[in-house]
Amino acid sequence: MQENHPVDEEPALEKPPFFKSWKGMYWLVLGNLAFMIVLFYAITKYYE
């Protein structure tokens, strides 16, 4: 009989790929989101 194992058995990454901590990665994602919002707002206002 098969034992119940999770599909992904790899250990979790200890740190993000580009920063020393996850906080830096979160700020990058939030900054990118804010930039995209402002960019698309400006584009829609320009072509209004």
N, C-alpha and C. Protein backbone atom coordinates (compact mmCIF):
# COMPACT_ATOMS: atom_id res chain seq x y z
N MET A 1 0.84 -1.19 0.00
CA MET A 1 0.00 0.00 0.00
C MET A 1 0.88 1.25 0.00
N GLN A 2 0.45 2.29 -0.72
CA GLN A 2 1.25 3.51 -0.82
C GLN A 2 1.10 4.37 0.43
N GLU A 3 2.22 5.00 0.79
CA GLU A 3 2.17 5.95 1.90
C GLU A 3 1.80 7.33 1.37
N ASN A 4 1.16 8.12 2.18
CA ASN A 4 0.75 9.47 1.77
C ASN A 4 1.91 10.44 1.92
N HIS A 5 2.52 10.82 0.79
CA HIS A 5 3.61 11.78 0.77
C HIS A 5 3.17 12.97 -0.08
N PRO A 6 3.61 14.17 0.31
CA PRO A 6 3.31 15.32 -0.57
C PRO A 6 4.04 15.17 -1.90
N VAL A 7 3.50 15.77 -2.92
CA VAL A 7 4.08 15.66 -4.25
C VAL A 7 5.44 16.34 -4.29
N ASP A 8 5.54 17.53 -3.72
CA ASP A 8 6.78 18.30 -3.73
C ASP A 8 7.56 18.03 -2.45
N GLU A 9 8.63 17.29 -2.57
CA GLU A 9 9.41 16.94 -1.38
C GLU A 9 10.72 17.71 -1.30
N GLU A 10 10.91 18.72 -2.18
CA GLU A 10 12.12 19.52 -2.13
C GLU A 10 12.06 20.47 -0.94
N PRO A 11 13.20 20.74 -0.32
CA PRO A 11 13.19 21.70 0.79
C PRO A 11 12.91 23.12 0.29
N ALA A 12 12.28 23.93 1.11
CA ALA A 12 11.96 25.30 0.73
C ALA A 12 13.23 26.13 0.64
N LEU A 13 13.22 27.14 -0.23
CA LEU A 13 14.37 28.04 -0.34
C LEU A 13 14.48 28.87 0.93
N GLU A 14 15.68 29.05 1.40
CA GLU A 14 15.89 29.80 2.62
C GLU A 14 15.91 31.30 2.38
N LYS A 15 16.36 31.74 1.20
CA LYS A 15 16.40 33.16 0.90
C LYS A 15 15.98 33.39 -0.53
N PRO A 16 15.52 34.61 -0.85
CA PRO A 16 15.11 34.91 -2.22
C PRO A 16 16.31 34.96 -3.15
N PRO A 17 16.08 34.84 -4.45
CA PRO A 17 17.20 34.73 -5.38
C PRO A 17 18.04 36.01 -5.53
N PHE A 18 17.45 37.21 -5.36
CA PHE A 18 18.20 38.43 -5.65
C PHE A 18 18.47 39.31 -4.44
N PHE A 19 17.85 39.04 -3.33
CA PHE A 19 17.98 39.90 -2.15
C PHE A 19 18.47 39.09 -0.96
N LYS A 20 18.88 39.82 0.07
CA LYS A 20 19.34 39.15 1.29
C LYS A 20 18.17 38.64 2.13
N SER A 21 17.00 39.26 1.96
CA SER A 21 15.83 38.83 2.72
C SER A 21 14.58 38.93 1.85
N TRP A 22 13.51 38.34 2.32
CA TRP A 22 12.25 38.37 1.57
C TRP A 22 11.65 39.76 1.57
N LYS A 23 11.99 40.59 2.56
CA LYS A 23 11.44 41.94 2.63
C LYS A 23 11.82 42.74 1.39
N GLY A 24 13.03 42.59 0.91
CA GLY A 24 13.46 43.27 -0.31
C GLY A 24 12.67 42.81 -1.52
N MET A 25 12.38 41.52 -1.60
CA MET A 25 11.60 40.99 -2.71
C MET A 25 10.17 41.54 -2.67
N TYR A 26 9.60 41.63 -1.47
CA TYR A 26 8.25 42.18 -1.35
C TYR A 26 8.21 43.63 -1.79
N TRP A 27 9.21 44.42 -1.41
CA TRP A 27 9.25 45.83 -1.82
C TRP A 27 9.42 45.95 -3.33
N LEU A 28 10.19 45.07 -3.93
CA LEU A 28 10.34 45.08 -5.39
C LEU A 28 8.99 44.81 -6.07
N VAL A 29 8.26 43.84 -5.59
CA VAL A 29 6.96 43.50 -6.18
C VAL A 29 5.98 44.66 -5.98
N LEU A 30 5.93 45.23 -4.78
CA LEU A 30 5.02 46.35 -4.53
C LEU A 30 5.41 47.58 -5.34
N GLY A 31 6.70 47.84 -5.46
CA GLY A 31 7.16 48.97 -6.26
C GLY A 31 6.83 48.79 -7.72
N ASN A 32 7.00 47.58 -8.21
CA ASN A 32 6.65 47.28 -9.60
C ASN A 32 5.15 47.47 -9.83
N LEU A 33 4.34 47.01 -8.90
CA LEU A 33 2.89 47.18 -9.01
C LEU A 33 2.51 48.66 -9.02
N ALA A 34 3.08 49.44 -8.12
CA ALA A 34 2.79 50.87 -8.07
C ALA A 34 3.22 51.55 -9.37
N PHE A 35 4.38 51.18 -9.89
CA PHE A 35 4.86 51.76 -11.14
C PHE A 35 3.91 51.45 -12.29
N MET A 36 3.45 50.22 -12.37
CA MET A 36 2.53 49.82 -13.44
C MET A 36 1.20 50.57 -13.34
N ILE A 37 0.70 50.76 -12.11
CA ILE A 37 -0.56 51.48 -11.93
C ILE A 37 -0.40 52.92 -12.41
N VAL A 38 0.68 53.59 -12.00
CA VAL A 38 0.91 54.97 -12.41
C VAL A 38 1.12 55.05 -13.92
N LEU A 39 1.86 54.13 -14.48
CA LEU A 39 2.12 54.13 -15.92
C LEU A 39 0.83 53.99 -16.72
N PHE A 40 -0.01 53.02 -16.37
CA PHE A 40 -1.24 52.82 -17.12
C PHE A 40 -2.24 53.95 -16.89
N TYR A 41 -2.22 54.55 -15.71
CA TYR A 41 -3.07 55.71 -15.45
C TYR A 41 -2.64 56.87 -16.35
N ALA A 42 -1.34 57.11 -16.45
CA ALA A 42 -0.83 58.19 -17.29
C ALA A 42 -1.15 57.93 -18.77
N ILE A 43 -1.03 56.70 -19.20
CA ILE A 43 -1.34 56.37 -20.60
C ILE A 43 -2.82 56.61 -20.90
N THR A 44 -3.70 56.20 -19.99
CA THR A 44 -5.13 56.40 -20.23
C THR A 44 -5.49 57.88 -20.21
N LYS A 45 -4.85 58.67 -19.35
CA LYS A 45 -5.12 60.11 -19.32
C LYS A 45 -4.60 60.78 -20.59
N TYR A 46 -3.48 60.34 -21.11
CA TYR A 46 -2.90 60.93 -22.30
C TYR A 46 -3.78 60.69 -23.53
N TYR A 47 -4.33 59.50 -23.66
CA TYR A 47 -5.13 59.14 -24.82
C TYR A 47 -6.63 59.35 -24.61
N GLU A 48 -7.01 60.05 -23.56
CA GLU A 48 -8.41 60.28 -23.26
C GLU A 48 -9.05 61.22 -24.26
